[in-house]
Amino acid sequence: MAKRAPLHDEDVLRCLKAAVDVAGGQAAWGARHGLSQSYVAKLLLGRREISPRVLSALGLRELPRAYESAETRP
């Protein structure tokens, strides 16, 4: 299987939006995954962080974050 590039927050939101549309709306998708319609709306508006539970519902998982030195090198 080919390795895919990691998704960014906006990509995950696009996945969520598509899943909500396929499910027939925020209430339907939320009910299917044990989430309230208002929580799903806040996710789509960027007012809530994407949780591991939402990622799981979308068939995604969070990758570890990477860090590097802030020092500039010549």
C-alpha atoms as a PDB file:
ATOM      1  CA  MET A   1       0.000   0.000   0.000  1.00  0.00           C
ATOM      2  CA  ALA A   2       1.364   3.424  -0.931  1.00  0.00           C
ATOM      3  CA  LYS A   3       2.132   5.773   1.912  1.00  0.00           C
ATOM      4  CA  ARG A   4      -0.055   8.873   1.941  1.00  0.00           C
ATOM      5  CA  ALA A   5       0.879  12.329   3.109  1.00  0.00           C
ATOM      6  CA  PRO A   6      -0.412  13.234   6.589  1.00  0.00           C
ATOM      7  CA  LEU A   7      -3.616  15.236   6.742  1.00  0.00           C
ATOM      8  CA  HIS A   8      -3.815  18.707   8.230  1.00  0.00           C
ATOM      9  CA  ASP A   9      -6.637  20.086  10.378  1.00  0.00           C
ATOM     10  CA  GLU A  10      -8.412  21.594   7.370  1.00  0.00           C
ATOM     11  CA  ASP A  11      -8.250  18.225   5.575  1.00  0.00           C
ATOM     12  CA  VAL A  12      -9.844  16.491   8.564  1.00  0.00           C
ATOM     13  CA  LEU A  13     -12.584  19.120   8.619  1.00  0.00           C
ATOM     14  CA  ARG A  14     -13.249  18.457   4.921  1.00  0.00           C
ATOM     15  CA  CYS A  15     -13.516  14.730   5.716  1.00  0.00           C
ATOM     16  CA  LEU A  16     -15.931  15.502   8.548  1.00  0.00           C
ATOM     17  CA  LYS A  17     -18.027  17.760   6.320  1.00  0.00           C
ATOM     18  CA  ALA A  18     -18.236  15.061   3.660  1.00  0.00           C
ATOM     19  CA  ALA A  19     -19.172  12.405   6.240  1.00  0.00           C
ATOM     20  CA  VAL A  20     -21.866  14.673   7.676  1.00  0.00           C
ATOM     21  CA  ASP A  21     -23.276  15.288   4.191  1.00  0.00           C
ATOM     22  CA  VAL A  22     -23.355  11.545   3.399  1.00  0.00           C
ATOM     23  CA  ALA A  23     -25.047  10.802   6.746  1.00  0.00           C
ATOM     24  CA  GLY A  24     -27.793  13.326   6.035  1.00  0.00           C
ATOM     25  CA  GLY A  25     -26.751  16.107   8.379  1.00  0.00           C
ATOM     26  CA  GLN A  26     -25.050  16.959  11.632  1.00  0.00           C
ATOM     27  CA  ALA A  27     -27.696  15.374  13.862  1.00  0.00           C
ATOM     28  CA  ALA A  28     -27.652  12.089  11.920  1.00  0.00           C
ATOM     29  CA  TRP A  29     -23.852  11.815  11.882  1.00  0.00           C
ATOM     30  CA  GLY A  30     -23.607  12.822  15.515  1.00  0.00           C
ATOM     31  CA  ALA A  31     -26.259  10.318  16.614  1.00  0.00           C
ATOM     32  CA  ARG A  32     -24.490   7.545  14.725  1.00  0.00           C
ATOM     33  CA  HIS A  33     -21.288   8.287  16.660  1.00  0.00           C
ATOM     34  CA  GLY A  34     -22.717   9.269  20.044  1.00  0.00           C
ATOM     35  CA  LEU A  35     -22.145  13.002  19.603  1.00  0.00           C
ATOM     36  CA  SER A  36     -24.612  15.863  19.832  1.00  0.00           C
ATOM     37  CA  GLN A  37     -25.547  17.946  16.810  1.00  0.00           C
ATOM     38  CA  SER A  38     -24.300  21.069  18.570  1.00  0.00           C
ATOM     39  CA  TYR A  39     -20.871  19.483  19.156  1.00  0.00           C
ATOM     40  CA  VAL A  40     -20.633  18.478  15.487  1.00  0.00           C
ATOM     41  CA  ALA A  41     -21.586  22.029  14.479  1.00  0.00           C
ATOM     42  CA  LYS A  42     -18.869  23.462  16.734  1.00  0.00           C
ATOM     43  CA  LEU A  43     -16.325  21.089  15.194  1.00  0.00           C
ATOM     44  CA  LEU A  44     -17.274  22.221  11.697  1.00  0.00           C
ATOM     45  CA  LEU A  45     -17.046  25.880  12.734  1.00  0.00           C
ATOM     46  CA  GLY A  46     -13.598  25.334  14.249  1.00  0.00           C
ATOM     47  CA  ARG A  47     -14.809  26.126  17.758  1.00  0.00           C
ATOM     48  CA  ARG A  48     -13.807  22.689  19.099  1.00  0.00           C
ATOM     49  CA  GLU A  49     -10.639  20.656  18.641  1.00  0.00           C
ATOM     50  CA  ILE A  50     -10.915  17.410  16.733  1.00  0.00           C
ATOM     51  CA  SER A  51     -10.945  14.688  19.390  1.00  0.00           C
ATOM     52  CA  PRO A  52      -9.617  11.125  19.145  1.00  0.00           C
ATOM     53  CA  ARG A  53     -13.244   9.940  19.189  1.00  0.00           C
ATOM     54  CA  VAL A  54     -14.077  12.034  16.106  1.00  0.00           C
ATOM     55  CA  LEU A  55     -10.909  10.882  14.358  1.00  0.00           C
ATOM     56  CA  SER A  56     -11.850   7.276  15.070  1.00  0.00           C
ATOM     57  CA  ALA A  57     -15.351   7.833  13.682  1.00  0.00           C
ATOM     58  CA  LEU A  58     -13.731   9.148  10.487  1.00  0.00           C
ATOM     59  CA  GLY A  59     -11.346   6.186  10.302  1.00  0.00           C
ATOM     60  CA  LEU A  60      -8.343   8.365  11.138  1.00  0.00           C
ATOM     61  CA  ARG A  61      -5.762   8.489  13.904  1.00  0.00           C
ATOM     62  CA  GLU A  62      -3.580  11.250  15.262  1.00  0.00           C
ATOM     63  CA  LEU A  63       0.123  11.125  14.482  1.00  0.00           C
ATOM     64  CA  PRO A  64       2.754  12.195  16.987  1.00  0.00           C
ATOM     65  CA  ARG A  65       3.841  15.762  16.635  1.00  0.00           C
ATOM     66  CA  ALA A  66       7.415  16.533  15.647  1.00  0.00           C
ATOM     67  CA  TYR A  67       9.674  19.275  16.946  1.00  0.00           C
ATOM     68  CA  GLU A  68      12.935  20.812  15.850  1.00  0.00           C
ATOM     69  CA  SER A  69      15.372  23.316  17.264  1.00  0.00           C
ATOM     70  CA  ALA A  70      14.403  26.964  16.928  1.00  0.00           C
ATOM     71  CA  GLU A  71      18.063  27.881  16.590  1.00  0.00           C
ATOM     72  CA  THR A  72      19.125  28.879  13.116  1.00  0.00           C
ATOM     73  CA  ARG A  73      22.234  27.240  11.759  1.00  0.00           C
ATOM     74  CA  PRO A  74      24.669  28.883   9.364  1.00  0.00           C
END
